[in-house]
Amino acid sequence: MIGWTKVDEIQPQNGEYTLYEASAAYKDENKRQAIKVKTPFSPTEYFAIEYRKKGERYKFDTFDQTALADGIIVYRVNPTYKDEGNLRGNDYIYVYRTNDTSITASAG
């Protein structure tokens, strides 16, 4: 749980998953806005995947008023570094970005 919504943990496997915008997930607890996927490559890291919908300014019944576009955001999270954040070249939370794929991108 992260306050107003829950993030289900799923096992990594091929499949199709449906994610909804934050407002829809808030109104209906059966709709997921995000999922958490453990990686078999690390005992501590996991990926959080969420859907964001382009916002409408001054529409106060949505959560994404400032989002510039629809899309998926993928975060790599390593709780080992939660107390230091992203200092010293280690990433507590790293957001994947288009064309930022080198092994040295944000400490790999």
PDB file of N, CA and C in Angstrom:
ATOM      1  N   MET A   1       0.839  -1.192   0.000  1.00  0.00           N
ATOM      2  CA  MET A   1       0.000   0.000   0.000  1.00  0.00           C
ATOM      3  C   MET A   1       0.883   1.256   0.000  1.00  0.00           C
ATOM      4  N   ILE A   2       0.487   2.237  -0.775  1.00  0.00           N
ATOM      5  CA  ILE A   2       1.197   3.515  -0.759  1.00  0.00           C
ATOM      6  C   ILE A   2       0.209   4.641  -0.499  1.00  0.00           C
ATOM      7  N   GLY A   3      -0.525   4.514   0.585  1.00  0.00           N
ATOM      8  CA  GLY A   3      -1.476   5.567   0.917  1.00  0.00           C
ATOM      9  C   GLY A   3      -2.818   5.351   0.275  1.00  0.00           C
ATOM     10  N   TRP A   4      -3.059   5.946  -0.871  1.00  0.00           N
ATOM     11  CA  TRP A   4      -4.369   5.903  -1.493  1.00  0.00           C
ATOM     12  C   TRP A   4      -4.560   4.738  -2.449  1.00  0.00           C
ATOM     13  N   THR A   5      -3.502   3.982  -2.737  1.00  0.00           N
ATOM     14  CA  THR A   5      -3.634   2.854  -3.648  1.00  0.00           C
ATOM     15  C   THR A   5      -2.729   1.716  -3.207  1.00  0.00           C
ATOM     16  N   LYS A   6      -2.992   0.534  -3.716  1.00  0.00           N
ATOM     17  CA  LYS A   6      -2.102  -0.586  -3.449  1.00  0.00           C
ATOM     18  C   LYS A   6      -1.354  -0.933  -4.723  1.00  0.00           C
ATOM     19  N   VAL A   7      -0.155  -1.448  -4.560  1.00  0.00           N
ATOM     20  CA  VAL A   7       0.656  -1.856  -5.702  1.00  0.00           C
ATOM     21  C   VAL A   7       0.874  -3.356  -5.549  1.00  0.00           C
ATOM     22  N   ASP A   8       0.237  -4.118  -6.425  1.00  0.00           N
ATOM     23  CA  ASP A   8       0.346  -5.572  -6.377  1.00  0.00           C
ATOM     24  C   ASP A   8       1.704  -6.017  -6.878  1.00  0.00           C
ATOM     25  N   GLU A   9       2.269  -7.028  -6.204  1.00  0.00           N
ATOM     26  CA  GLU A   9       3.516  -7.620  -6.671  1.00  0.00           C
ATOM     27  C   GLU A   9       3.155  -8.809  -7.547  1.00  0.00           C
ATOM     28  N   ILE A  10       3.756  -8.855  -8.729  1.00  0.00           N
ATOM     29  CA  ILE A  10       3.504  -9.974  -9.629  1.00  0.00           C
ATOM     30  C   ILE A  10       4.813 -10.694  -9.916  1.00  0.00           C
ATOM     31  N   GLN A  11       4.712 -11.951 -10.276  1.00  0.00           N
ATOM     32  CA  GLN A  11       5.887 -12.732 -10.648  1.00  0.00           C
ATOM     33  C   GLN A  11       6.240 -12.398 -12.097  1.00  0.00           C
ATOM     34  N   PRO A  12       7.534 -12.243 -12.392  1.00  0.00           N
ATOM     35  CA  PRO A  12       7.917 -11.922 -13.771  1.00  0.00           C
ATOM     36  C   PRO A  12       7.571 -13.079 -14.698  1.00  0.00           C
ATOM     37  N   GLN A  13       6.757 -12.801 -15.680  1.00  0.00           N
ATOM     38  CA  GLN A  13       6.376 -13.793 -16.682  1.00  0.00           C
ATOM     39  C   GLN A  13       5.784 -13.073 -17.878  1.00  0.00           C
ATOM     40  N   ASN A  14       5.775 -13.748 -18.997  1.00  0.00           N
ATOM     41  CA  ASN A  14       5.143 -13.172 -20.171  1.00  0.00           C
ATOM     42  C   ASN A  14       3.652 -13.093 -19.918  1.00  0.00           C
ATOM     43  N   GLY A  15       3.058 -12.049 -20.394  1.00  0.00           N
ATOM     44  CA  GLY A  15       1.620 -11.913 -20.201  1.00  0.00           C
ATOM     45  C   GLY A  15       1.172 -10.520 -20.552  1.00  0.00           C
ATOM     46  N   GLU A  16      -0.077 -10.297 -20.368  1.00  0.00           N
ATOM     47  CA  GLU A  16      -0.674  -9.001 -20.656  1.00  0.00           C
ATOM     48  C   GLU A  16      -1.246  -8.446 -19.358  1.00  0.00           C
ATOM     49  N   TYR A  17      -0.941  -7.213 -19.077  1.00  0.00           N
ATOM     50  CA  TYR A  17      -1.387  -6.572 -17.844  1.00  0.00           C
ATOM     51  C   TYR A  17      -2.068  -5.265 -18.196  1.00  0.00           C
ATOM     52  N   THR A  18      -3.118  -4.949 -17.505  1.00  0.00           N
ATOM     53  CA  THR A  18      -3.839  -3.708 -17.745  1.00  0.00           C
ATOM     54  C   THR A  18      -3.631  -2.780 -16.568  1.00  0.00           C
ATOM     55  N   LEU A  19      -3.180  -1.572 -16.867  1.00  0.00           N
ATOM     56  CA  LEU A  19      -3.017  -0.544 -15.843  1.00  0.00           C
ATOM     57  C   LEU A  19      -3.939   0.614 -16.186  1.00  0.00           C
ATOM     58  N   TYR A  20      -4.435   1.285 -15.164  1.00  0.00           N
ATOM     59  CA  TYR A  20      -5.384   2.380 -15.340  1.00  0.00           C
ATOM     60  C   TYR A  20      -4.790   3.675 -14.812  1.00  0.00           C
ATOM     61  N   GLU A  21      -5.351   4.776 -15.253  1.00  0.00           N
ATOM     62  CA  GLU A  21      -4.915   6.067 -14.745  1.00  0.00           C
ATOM     63  C   GLU A  21      -5.188   6.148 -13.239  1.00  0.00           C
ATOM     64  N   ALA A  22      -4.466   7.015 -12.565  1.00  0.00           N
ATOM     65  CA  ALA A  22      -4.554   7.126 -11.109  1.00  0.00           C
ATOM     66  C   ALA A  22      -5.964   7.430 -10.625  1.00  0.00           C
ATOM     67  N   SER A  23      -6.676   8.301 -11.298  1.00  0.00           N
ATOM     68  CA  SER A  23      -8.034   8.651 -10.876  1.00  0.00           C
ATOM     69  C   SER A  23      -8.964   7.449 -10.913  1.00  0.00           C
ATOM     70  N   ALA A  24      -8.858   6.637 -11.954  1.00  0.00           N
ATOM     71  CA  ALA A  24      -9.697   5.447 -12.074  1.00  0.00           C
ATOM     72  C   ALA A  24      -9.345   4.423 -10.999  1.00  0.00           C
ATOM     73  N   ALA A  25      -8.051   4.246 -10.723  1.00  0.00           N
ATOM     74  CA  ALA A  25      -7.616   3.305  -9.695  1.00  0.00           C
ATOM     75  C   ALA A  25      -8.046   3.768  -8.311  1.00  0.00           C
ATOM     76  N   TYR A  26      -8.072   5.059  -8.090  1.00  0.00           N
ATOM     77  CA  TYR A  26      -8.503   5.612  -6.810  1.00  0.00           C
ATOM     78  C   TYR A  26      -9.990   5.343  -6.569  1.00  0.00           C
ATOM     79  N   LYS A  27     -10.778   5.470  -7.636  1.00  0.00           N
ATOM     80  CA  LYS A  27     -12.229   5.282  -7.518  1.00  0.00           C
ATOM     81  C   LYS A  27     -12.636   3.815  -7.458  1.00  0.00           C
ATOM     82  N   ASP A  28     -11.837   2.916  -8.021  1.00  0.00           N
ATOM     83  CA  ASP A  28     -12.179   1.492  -8.089  1.00  0.00           C
ATOM     84  C   ASP A  28     -10.970   0.676  -7.657  1.00  0.00           C
ATOM     85  N   GLU A  29     -11.018   0.083  -6.483  1.00  0.00           N
ATOM     86  CA  GLU A  29      -9.863  -0.636  -5.947  1.00  0.00           C
ATOM     87  C   GLU A  29      -9.505  -1.894  -6.743  1.00  0.00           C
ATOM     88  N   ASN A  30     -10.367  -2.314  -7.663  1.00  0.00           N
ATOM     89  CA  ASN A  30     -10.056  -3.466  -8.509  1.00  0.00           C
ATOM     90  C   ASN A  30      -9.215  -3.086  -9.725  1.00  0.00           C
ATOM     91  N   LYS A  31      -9.030  -1.798  -9.949  1.00  0.00           N
ATOM     92  CA  LYS A  31      -8.204  -1.329 -11.060  1.00  0.00           C
ATOM     93  C   LYS A  31      -6.818  -0.986 -10.536  1.00  0.00           C
ATOM     94  N   ARG A  32      -5.792  -1.462 -11.233  1.00  0.00           N
ATOM     95  CA  ARG A  32      -4.409  -1.211 -10.815  1.00  0.00           C
ATOM     96  C   ARG A  32      -3.820  -0.056 -11.613  1.00  0.00           C
ATOM     97  N   GLN A  33      -3.166   0.841 -10.908  1.00  0.00           N
ATOM     98  CA  GLN A  33      -2.463   1.939 -11.557  1.00  0.00           C
ATOM     99  C   GLN A  33      -0.996   1.589 -11.718  1.00  0.00           C
ATOM    100  N   ALA A  34      -0.513   0.679 -10.874  1.00  0.00           N
ATOM    101  CA  ALA A  34       0.897   0.297 -10.894  1.00  0.00           C
ATOM    102  C   ALA A  34       1.045  -1.156 -10.455  1.00  0.00           C
ATOM    103  N   ILE A  35       2.174  -1.748 -10.859  1.00  0.00           N
ATOM    104  CA  ILE A  35       2.521  -3.092 -10.398  1.00  0.00           C
ATOM    105  C   ILE A  35       3.990  -3.114  -9.996  1.00  0.00           C
ATOM    106  N   LYS A  36       4.320  -4.054  -9.146  1.00  0.00           N
ATOM    107  CA  LYS A  36       5.687  -4.249  -8.681  1.00  0.00           C
ATOM    108  C   LYS A  36       6.149  -5.614  -9.182  1.00  0.00           C
ATOM    109  N   VAL A  37       7.336  -5.642  -9.807  1.00  0.00           N
ATOM    110  CA  VAL A  37       7.860  -6.877 -10.375  1.00  0.00           C
ATOM    111  C   VAL A  37       9.241  -7.130  -9.786  1.00  0.00           C
ATOM    112  N   LYS A  38       9.397  -8.250  -9.091  1.00  0.00           N
ATOM    113  CA  LYS A  38      10.708  -8.632  -8.570  1.00  0.00           C
ATOM    114  C   LYS A  38      11.566  -9.123  -9.725  1.00  0.00           C
ATOM    115  N   THR A  39      12.866  -8.854  -9.658  1.00  0.00           N
ATOM    116  CA  THR A  39      13.786  -9.334 -10.682  1.00  0.00           C
ATOM    117  C   THR A  39      14.524 -10.561 -10.157  1.00  0.00           C
ATOM    118  N   PRO A  40      14.732 -11.558 -10.992  1.00  0.00           N
ATOM    119  CA  PRO A  40      15.489 -12.733 -10.559  1.00  0.00           C
ATOM    120  C   PRO A  40      16.996 -12.463 -10.484  1.00  0.00           C
ATOM    121  N   PHE A  41      17.429 -11.276 -10.896  1.00  0.00           N
ATOM    122  CA  PHE A  41      18.845 -10.938 -10.940  1.00  0.00           C
ATOM    123  C   PHE A  41      19.359 -10.262  -9.676  1.00  0.00           C
ATOM    124  N   SER A  42      18.471  -9.937  -8.743  1.00  0.00           N
ATOM    125  CA  SER A  42      18.882  -9.253  -7.523  1.00  0.00           C
ATOM    126  C   SER A  42      17.940  -9.635  -6.384  1.00  0.00           C
ATOM    127  N   PRO A  43      18.499  -9.894  -5.208  1.00  0.00           N
ATOM    128  CA  PRO A  43      17.638 -10.225  -4.065  1.00  0.00           C
ATOM    129  C   PRO A  43      16.942  -9.000  -3.463  1.00  0.00           C
ATOM    130  N   THR A  44      17.394  -7.795  -3.810  1.00  0.00           N
ATOM    131  CA  THR A  44      16.817  -6.599  -3.203  1.00  0.00           C
ATOM    132  C   THR A  44      16.053  -5.719  -4.182  1.00  0.00           C
ATOM    133  N   GLU A  45      16.485  -5.673  -5.446  1.00  0.00           N
ATOM    134  CA  GLU A  45      15.872  -4.751  -6.401  1.00  0.00           C
ATOM    135  C   GLU A  45      14.531  -5.262  -6.920  1.00  0.00           C
ATOM    136  N   TYR A  46      13.702  -4.305  -7.317  1.00  0.00           N
ATOM    137  CA  TYR A  46      12.459  -4.631  -8.014  1.00  0.00           C
ATOM    138  C   TYR A  46      12.133  -3.483  -8.961  1.00  0.00           C
ATOM    139  N   PHE A  47      11.181  -3.699  -9.831  1.00  0.00           N
ATOM    140  CA  PHE A  47      10.725  -2.685 -10.768  1.00  0.00           C
ATOM    141  C   PHE A  47       9.298  -2.303 -10.413  1.00  0.00           C
ATOM    142  N   ALA A  48       9.021  -1.029 -10.456  1.00  0.00           N
ATOM    143  CA  ALA A  48       7.660  -0.522 -10.302  1.00  0.00           C
ATOM    144  C   ALA A  48       7.265   0.054 -11.657  1.00  0.00           C
ATOM    145  N   ILE A  49       6.109  -0.355 -12.136  1.00  0.00           N
ATOM    146  CA  ILE A  49       5.636   0.078 -13.451  1.00  0.00           C
ATOM    147  C   ILE A  49       4.282   0.737 -13.252  1.00  0.00           C
ATOM    148  N   GLU A  50       4.151   1.965 -13.718  1.00  0.00           N
ATOM    149  CA  GLU A  50       2.878   2.668 -13.530  1.00  0.00           C
ATOM    150  C   GLU A  50       2.428   3.329 -14.816  1.00  0.00           C
ATOM    151  N   TYR A  51       1.128   3.515 -14.906  1.00  0.00           N
ATOM    152  CA  TYR A  51       0.541   4.191 -16.054  1.00  0.00           C
ATOM    153  C   TYR A  51       0.158   5.601 -15.648  1.00  0.00           C
ATOM    154  N   ARG A  52       0.508   6.559 -16.480  1.00  0.00           N
ATOM    155  CA  ARG A  52       0.136   7.953 -16.251  1.00  0.00           C
ATOM    156  C   ARG A  52      -0.645   8.458 -17.457  1.00  0.00           C
ATOM    157  N   LYS A  53      -1.660   9.240 -17.217  1.00  0.00           N
ATOM    158  CA  LYS A  53      -2.501   9.780 -18.278  1.00  0.00           C
ATOM    159  C   LYS A  53      -2.265  11.282 -18.389  1.00  0.00           C
ATOM    160  N   LYS A  54      -2.220  11.758 -19.623  1.00  0.00           N
ATOM    161  CA  LYS A  54      -2.031  13.188 -19.841  1.00  0.00           C
ATOM    162  C   LYS A  54      -3.073  13.962 -19.055  1.00  0.00           C
ATOM    163  N   GLY A  55      -2.615  14.955 -18.338  1.00  0.00           N
ATOM    164  CA  GLY A  55      -3.508  15.721 -17.481  1.00  0.00           C
ATOM    165  C   GLY A  55      -4.219  16.859 -18.190  1.00  0.00           C
ATOM    166  N   GLU A  56      -5.247  17.316 -17.539  1.00  0.00           N
ATOM    167  CA  GLU A  56      -5.969  18.496 -18.005  1.00  0.00           C
ATOM    168  C   GLU A  56      -5.860  19.551 -16.913  1.00  0.00           C
ATOM    169  N   ARG A  57      -5.279  20.694 -17.274  1.00  0.00           N
ATOM    170  CA  ARG A  57      -5.134  21.763 -16.284  1.00  0.00           C
ATOM    171  C   ARG A  57      -6.477  22.168 -15.731  1.00  0.00           C
ATOM    172  N   TYR A  58      -6.489  22.418 -14.454  1.00  0.00           N
ATOM    173  CA  TYR A  58      -7.658  22.910 -13.730  1.00  0.00           C
ATOM    174  C   TYR A  58      -8.800  21.897 -13.669  1.00  0.00           C
ATOM    175  N   LYS A  59      -8.531  20.644 -14.016  1.00  0.00           N
ATOM    176  CA  LYS A  59      -9.525  19.595 -13.833  1.00  0.00           C
ATOM    177  C   LYS A  59      -9.156  18.890 -12.538  1.00  0.00           C
ATOM    178  N   PHE A  60      -9.833  19.213 -11.484  1.00  0.00           N
ATOM    179  CA  PHE A  60      -9.406  18.827 -10.148  1.00  0.00           C
ATOM    180  C   PHE A  60      -9.848  17.435  -9.726  1.00  0.00           C
ATOM    181  N   ASP A  61     -10.546  16.697 -10.583  1.00  0.00           N
ATOM    182  CA  ASP A  61     -10.912  15.331 -10.224  1.00  0.00           C
ATOM    183  C   ASP A  61      -9.940  14.309 -10.821  1.00  0.00           C
ATOM    184  N   THR A  62      -8.775  14.782 -11.268  1.00  0.00           N
ATOM    185  CA  THR A  62      -7.743  13.885 -11.773  1.00  0.00           C
ATOM    186  C   THR A  62      -6.481  14.075 -10.945  1.00  0.00           C
ATOM    187  N   PHE A  63      -5.605  13.064 -10.981  1.00  0.00           N
ATOM    188  CA  PHE A  63      -4.350  13.141 -10.232  1.00  0.00           C
ATOM    189  C   PHE A  63      -3.192  13.619 -11.091  1.00  0.00           C
ATOM    190  N   ASP A  64      -3.328  13.535 -12.398  1.00  0.00           N
ATOM    191  CA  ASP A  64      -2.211  13.830 -13.300  1.00  0.00           C
ATOM    192  C   ASP A  64      -2.375  15.158 -14.024  1.00  0.00           C
ATOM    193  N   GLN A  65      -2.733  16.206 -13.316  1.00  0.00           N
ATOM    194  CA  GLN A  65      -2.966  17.502 -13.950  1.00  0.00           C
ATOM    195  C   GLN A  65      -1.750  18.015 -14.706  1.00  0.00           C
ATOM    196  N   THR A  66      -0.558  17.696 -14.247  1.00  0.00           N
ATOM    197  CA  THR A  66       0.648  18.247 -14.873  1.00  0.00           C
ATOM    198  C   THR A  66       1.368  17.264 -15.791  1.00  0.00           C
ATOM    199  N   ALA A  67       0.847  16.034 -15.949  1.00  0.00           N
ATOM    200  CA  ALA A  67       1.483  15.075 -16.859  1.00  0.00           C
ATOM    201  C   ALA A  67       1.324  15.564 -18.295  1.00  0.00           C
ATOM    202  N   LEU A  68       2.410  15.563 -19.044  1.00  0.00           N
ATOM    203  CA  LEU A  68       2.400  16.104 -20.406  1.00  0.00           C
ATOM    204  C   LEU A  68       1.933  15.109 -21.457  1.00  0.00           C
ATOM    205  N   ALA A  69       1.901  13.814 -21.125  1.00  0.00           N
ATOM    206  CA  ALA A  69       1.497  12.801 -22.104  1.00  0.00           C
ATOM    207  C   ALA A  69       1.079  11.522 -21.389  1.00  0.00           C
ATOM    208  N   ASP A  70       0.375  10.664 -22.106  1.00  0.00           N
ATOM    209  CA  ASP A  70       0.057   9.329 -21.599  1.00  0.00           C
ATOM    210  C   ASP A  70       1.302   8.472 -21.706  1.00  0.00           C
ATOM    211  N   GLY A  71       1.436   7.509 -20.800  1.00  0.00           N
ATOM    212  CA  GLY A  71       2.546   6.585 -20.955  1.00  0.00           C
ATOM    213  C   GLY A  71       2.830   5.766 -19.721  1.00  0.00           C
ATOM    214  N   ILE A  72       3.811   4.918 -19.866  1.00  0.00           N
ATOM    215  CA  ILE A  72       4.261   4.029 -18.807  1.00  0.00           C
ATOM    216  C   ILE A  72       5.563   4.587 -18.237  1.00  0.00           C
ATOM    217  N   ILE A  73       5.682   4.576 -16.925  1.00  0.00           N
ATOM    218  CA  ILE A  73       6.937   4.942 -16.257  1.00  0.00           C
ATOM    219  C   ILE A  73       7.446   3.684 -15.558  1.00  0.00           C
ATOM    220  N   VAL A  74       8.722   3.358 -15.789  1.00  0.00           N
ATOM    221  CA  VAL A  74       9.334   2.197 -15.159  1.00  0.00           C
ATOM    222  C   VAL A  74      10.424   2.694 -14.217  1.00  0.00           C
ATOM    223  N   TYR A  75      10.326   2.276 -12.962  1.00  0.00           N
ATOM    224  CA  TYR A  75      11.301   2.632 -11.938  1.00  0.00           C
ATOM    225  C   TYR A  75      12.060   1.373 -11.533  1.00  0.00           C
ATOM    226  N   ARG A  76      13.372   1.488 -11.386  1.00  0.00           N
ATOM    227  CA  ARG A  76      14.153   0.430 -10.749  1.00  0.00           C
ATOM    228  C   ARG A  76      14.370   0.891  -9.314  1.00  0.00           C
ATOM    229  N   VAL A  77      13.989   0.080  -8.356  1.00  0.00           N
ATOM    230  CA  VAL A  77      14.057   0.459  -6.948  1.00  0.00           C
ATOM    231  C   VAL A  77      14.973  -0.519  -6.213  1.00  0.00           C
ATOM    232  N   ASN A  78      15.915   0.013  -5.453  1.00  0.00           N
ATOM    233  CA  ASN A  78      16.787  -0.818  -4.643  1.00  0.00           C
ATOM    234  C   ASN A  78      16.712  -0.326  -3.200  1.00  0.00           C
ATOM    235  N   PRO A  79      15.889  -0.970  -2.369  1.00  0.00           N
ATOM    236  CA  PRO A  79      15.701  -0.536  -0.978  1.00  0.00           C
ATOM    237  C   PRO A  79      16.973  -0.545  -0.141  1.00  0.00           C
ATOM    238  N   THR A  80      18.023  -1.201  -0.613  1.00  0.00           N
ATOM    239  CA  THR A  80      19.302  -1.193   0.100  1.00  0.00           C
ATOM    240  C   THR A  80      19.784   0.237   0.326  1.00  0.00           C
ATOM    241  N   TYR A  81      19.464   1.136  -0.615  1.00  0.00           N
ATOM    242  CA  TYR A  81      19.950   2.509  -0.550  1.00  0.00           C
ATOM    243  C   TYR A  81      18.889   3.509  -0.086  1.00  0.00           C
ATOM    244  N   LYS A  82      17.838   3.045   0.541  1.00  0.00           N
ATOM    245  CA  LYS A  82      16.747   3.959   0.915  1.00  0.00           C
ATOM    246  C   LYS A  82      17.185   5.051   1.889  1.00  0.00           C
ATOM    247  N   ASP A  83      18.178   4.794   2.722  1.00  0.00           N
ATOM    248  CA  ASP A  83      18.615   5.800   3.689  1.00  0.00           C
ATOM    249  C   ASP A  83      19.544   6.856   3.091  1.00  0.00           C
ATOM    250  N   GLU A  84      20.182   6.546   1.965  1.00  0.00           N
ATOM    251  CA  GLU A  84      21.079   7.523   1.342  1.00  0.00           C
ATOM    252  C   GLU A  84      20.522   8.094   0.046  1.00  0.00           C
ATOM    253  N   GLY A  85      19.393   7.591  -0.403  1.00  0.00           N
ATOM    254  CA  GLY A  85      18.805   8.110  -1.633  1.00  0.00           C
ATOM    255  C   GLY A  85      19.654   7.759  -2.834  1.00  0.00           C
ATOM    256  N   ASN A  86      19.875   8.707  -3.710  1.00  0.00           N
ATOM    257  CA  ASN A  86      20.663   8.468  -4.918  1.00  0.00           C
ATOM    258  C   ASN A  86      22.055   9.101  -4.814  1.00  0.00           C
ATOM    259  N   LEU A  87      22.580   9.190  -3.621  1.00  0.00           N
ATOM    260  CA  LEU A  87      23.910   9.763  -3.410  1.00  0.00           C
ATOM    261  C   LEU A  87      25.001   8.738  -3.696  1.00  0.00           C
ATOM    262  N   ARG A  88      26.199   9.195  -3.873  1.00  0.00           N
ATOM    263  CA  ARG A  88      27.398   8.373  -4.023  1.00  0.00           C
ATOM    264  C   ARG A  88      27.335   7.394  -5.196  1.00  0.00           C
ATOM    265  N   GLY A  89      26.569   7.687  -6.227  1.00  0.00           N
ATOM    266  CA  GLY A  89      26.524   6.833  -7.409  1.00  0.00           C
ATOM    267  C   GLY A  89      25.630   5.615  -7.295  1.00  0.00           C
ATOM    268  N   ASN A  90      24.976   5.445  -6.151  1.00  0.00           N
ATOM    269  CA  ASN A  90      24.041   4.337  -5.992  1.00  0.00           C
ATOM    270  C   ASN A  90      22.628   4.859  -6.184  1.00  0.00           C
ATOM    271  N   ASP A  91      21.776   4.029  -6.731  1.00  0.00           N
ATOM    272  CA  ASP A  91      20.407   4.459  -6.974  1.00  0.00           C
ATOM    273  C   ASP A  91      19.434   3.767  -6.038  1.00  0.00           C
ATOM    274  N   TYR A  92      18.705   4.559  -5.286  1.00  0.00           N
ATOM    275  CA  TYR A  92      17.566   4.019  -4.543  1.00  0.00           C
ATOM    276  C   TYR A  92      16.407   3.888  -5.516  1.00  0.00           C
ATOM    277  N   ILE A  93      16.141   4.938  -6.280  1.00  0.00           N
ATOM    278  CA  ILE A  93      15.118   4.914  -7.318  1.00  0.00           C
ATOM    279  C   ILE A  93      15.719   5.493  -8.593  1.00  0.00           C
ATOM    280  N   TYR A  94      15.587   4.743  -9.676  1.00  0.00           N
ATOM    281  CA  TYR A  94      16.076   5.176 -10.974  1.00  0.00           C
ATOM    282  C   TYR A  94      14.934   5.070 -11.974  1.00  0.00           C
ATOM    283  N   VAL A  95      14.663   6.121 -12.714  1.00  0.00           N
ATOM    284  CA  VAL A  95      13.606   6.131 -13.717  1.00  0.00           C
ATOM    285  C   VAL A  95      14.242   5.907 -15.081  1.00  0.00           C
ATOM    286  N   TYR A  96      13.752   4.889 -15.782  1.00  0.00           N
ATOM    287  CA  TYR A  96      14.263   4.608 -17.127  1.00  0.00           C
ATOM    288  C   TYR A  96      13.796   5.680 -18.091  1.00  0.00           C
ATOM    289  N   ARG A  97      14.720   6.113 -18.956  1.00  0.00           N
ATOM    290  CA  ARG A  97      14.431   7.173 -19.913  1.00  0.00           C
ATOM    291  C   ARG A  97      14.826   6.738 -21.311  1.00  0.00           C
ATOM    292  N   THR A  98      14.097   7.202 -22.295  1.00  0.00           N
ATOM    293  CA  THR A  98      14.412   6.915 -23.685  1.00  0.00           C
ATOM    294  C   THR A  98      15.838   7.355 -23.999  1.00  0.00           C
ATOM    295  N   ASN A  99      16.578   6.526 -24.714  1.00  0.00           N
ATOM    296  CA  ASN A  99      17.960   6.797 -25.135  1.00  0.00           C
ATOM    297  C   ASN A  99      18.936   6.926 -23.971  1.00  0.00           C
ATOM    298  N   ASP A 100      18.594   6.407 -22.809  1.00  0.00           N
ATOM    299  CA  ASP A 100      19.483   6.418 -21.643  1.00  0.00           C
ATOM    300  C   ASP A 100      19.713   4.963 -21.242  1.00  0.00           C
ATOM    301  N   THR A 101      20.373   4.220 -22.130  1.00  0.00           N
ATOM    302  CA  THR A 101      20.454   2.773 -21.960  1.00  0.00           C
ATOM    303  C   THR A 101      21.866   2.227 -21.756  1.00  0.00           C
ATOM    304  N   SER A 102      22.850   3.091 -21.641  1.00  0.00           N
ATOM    305  CA  SER A 102      24.215   2.566 -21.480  1.00  0.00           C
ATOM    306  C   SER A 102      24.395   1.942 -20.105  1.00  0.00           C
ATOM    307  N   ILE A 103      25.399   1.088 -19.995  1.00  0.00           N
ATOM    308  CA  ILE A 103      25.654   0.397 -18.732  1.00  0.00           C
ATOM    309  C   ILE A 103      26.042   1.374 -17.620  1.00  0.00           C
ATOM    310  N   THR A 104      26.546   2.562 -18.010  1.00  0.00           N
ATOM    311  CA  THR A 104      26.933   3.540 -17.003  1.00  0.00           C
ATOM    312  C   THR A 104      25.828   4.580 -16.746  1.00  0.00           C
ATOM    313  N   ALA A 105      24.677   4.409 -17.359  1.00  0.00           N
ATOM    314  CA  ALA A 105      23.583   5.345 -17.136  1.00  0.00           C
ATOM    315  C   ALA A 105      23.141   5.242 -15.685  1.00  0.00           C
ATOM    316  N   SER A 106      23.375   6.282 -14.945  1.00  0.00           N
ATOM    317  CA  SER A 106      23.019   6.337 -13.523  1.00  0.00           C
ATOM    318  C   SER A 106      23.529   5.111 -12.779  1.00  0.00           C
ATOM    319  N   ALA A 107      24.791   4.889 -12.834  1.00  0.00           N
ATOM    320  CA  ALA A 107      25.479   3.789 -12.130  1.00  0.00           C
ATOM    321  C   ALA A 107      25.052   2.424 -12.611  1.00  0.00           C
ATOM    322  N   GLY A 108      24.543   2.324 -13.848  1.00  0.00           N
ATOM    323  CA  GLY A 108      24.214   1.005 -14.408  1.00  0.00           C
ATOM    324  C   GLY A 108      22.892   0.499 -13.966  1.00  0.00           C
TER     325      GLY A 108
END
